[in-house]
Amino acid sequence: MGMAQKAVRYGQIRAGRRLARSVPFVGGLIALAAVVSAVRRKGLFGGTIDTALNAIPFVGGAKNVAEVVRGRDFIRDRTPTDPPADV
């Protein structure tokens, strides 16, 4: 193995370690965005429950499959409230 090949291999190992350390943070950001989006659509209680169910490995998958087959969410979006008209 030549010197250039060793340098490339060393760089690949370092990049792989750095990427592996960043994965939990990226997953956490995606989960946080999902919670915020669900709470905005479904309200505090409904959004939290919906996200918690989706986070459980087999339960979340079964819930999503059932929602696709059913054609609608189990936890409905809250009804939008119209802002009061200026009088």
Protein backbone atom coordinates (compact mmCIF):
# COMPACT_ATOMS: atom_id res chain seq x y z
CA MET A 1 0.00 0.00 0.00
CA GLY A 2 1.51 3.29 -1.10
CA MET A 3 1.77 6.47 0.94
CA ALA A 4 -1.04 8.17 -1.05
CA GLN A 5 -3.39 5.23 -0.49
CA LYS A 6 -2.69 5.30 3.25
CA ALA A 7 -3.43 9.02 3.37
CA VAL A 8 -6.71 8.55 1.51
CA ARG A 9 -7.70 5.68 3.81
CA TYR A 10 -6.85 7.77 6.89
CA GLY A 11 -9.00 10.63 5.55
CA GLN A 12 -11.91 8.29 4.90
CA ILE A 13 -11.76 6.89 8.43
CA ARG A 14 -11.65 10.38 9.99
CA ALA A 15 -14.54 11.60 7.82
CA GLY A 16 -16.58 8.50 8.72
CA ARG A 17 -16.05 9.07 12.44
CA ARG A 18 -17.00 12.72 12.18
CA LEU A 19 -20.16 11.84 10.22
CA ALA A 20 -21.10 9.13 12.73
CA ARG A 21 -20.85 11.65 15.58
CA SER A 22 -23.12 14.13 13.79
CA VAL A 23 -25.94 11.67 12.99
CA PRO A 24 -27.65 11.84 16.43
CA PHE A 25 -27.79 15.63 16.23
CA VAL A 26 -29.32 15.56 12.75
CA GLY A 27 -31.92 13.02 13.88
CA GLY A 28 -32.72 15.16 16.90
CA LEU A 29 -33.26 18.22 14.72
CA ILE A 30 -35.60 16.29 12.43
CA ALA A 31 -37.56 14.97 15.43
CA LEU A 32 -37.81 18.48 16.88
CA ALA A 33 -39.11 19.83 13.57
CA ALA A 34 -41.68 17.00 13.43
CA VAL A 35 -42.92 17.79 16.93
CA VAL A 36 -43.24 21.50 16.19
CA SER A 37 -45.10 20.83 12.95
CA ALA A 38 -47.47 18.31 14.54
CA VAL A 39 -48.24 20.60 17.49
CA ARG A 40 -49.08 23.46 15.14
CA ARG A 41 -51.45 21.27 13.13
CA LYS A 42 -53.01 19.14 15.87
CA GLY A 43 -52.66 21.21 19.04
CA LEU A 44 -50.39 20.59 22.01
CA PHE A 45 -51.95 17.35 23.25
CA GLY A 46 -52.75 15.81 19.86
CA GLY A 47 -49.42 16.74 18.29
CA THR A 48 -47.44 15.38 21.22
CA ILE A 49 -49.36 12.09 21.26
CA ASP A 50 -49.10 11.71 17.47
CA THR A 51 -45.34 12.29 17.51
CA ALA A 52 -44.84 9.98 20.49
CA LEU A 53 -46.73 7.17 18.75
CA ASN A 54 -44.69 7.68 15.58
CA ALA A 55 -41.46 7.49 17.60
CA ILE A 56 -42.23 4.00 18.96
CA PRO A 57 -40.66 1.58 16.44
CA PHE A 58 -43.40 -0.92 15.55
CA VAL A 59 -46.36 1.05 16.86
CA GLY A 60 -45.51 4.06 14.69
CA GLY A 61 -45.18 1.92 11.58
CA ALA A 62 -48.47 0.14 12.23
CA LYS A 63 -50.21 3.48 12.90
CA ASN A 64 -48.92 4.95 9.65
CA VAL A 65 -49.98 1.90 7.63
CA ALA A 66 -53.44 1.97 9.20
CA GLU A 67 -53.77 5.70 8.43
CA VAL A 68 -52.84 5.12 4.80
CA VAL A 69 -55.36 2.29 4.47
CA ARG A 70 -58.02 4.28 6.30
CA GLY A 71 -57.29 7.43 4.32
CA ARG A 72 -57.16 9.86 7.25
CA ASP A 73 -55.33 10.51 10.50
CA PHE A 74 -56.38 8.94 13.79
CA ILE A 75 -55.64 12.21 15.55
CA ARG A 76 -57.36 14.91 13.55
CA ASP A 77 -55.95 18.32 12.82
CA ARG A 78 -57.55 21.02 14.89
CA THR A 79 -60.07 23.20 13.14
CA PRO A 80 -58.63 26.56 12.13
CA THR A 81 -60.11 29.47 13.98
CA ASP A 82 -60.88 32.59 12.05
CA PRO A 83 -59.48 35.77 13.51
CA PRO A 84 -62.18 38.11 14.83
CA ALA A 85 -63.40 40.62 12.28
CA ASP A 86 -62.67 44.26 13.00
CA VAL A 87 -65.84 46.12 13.79
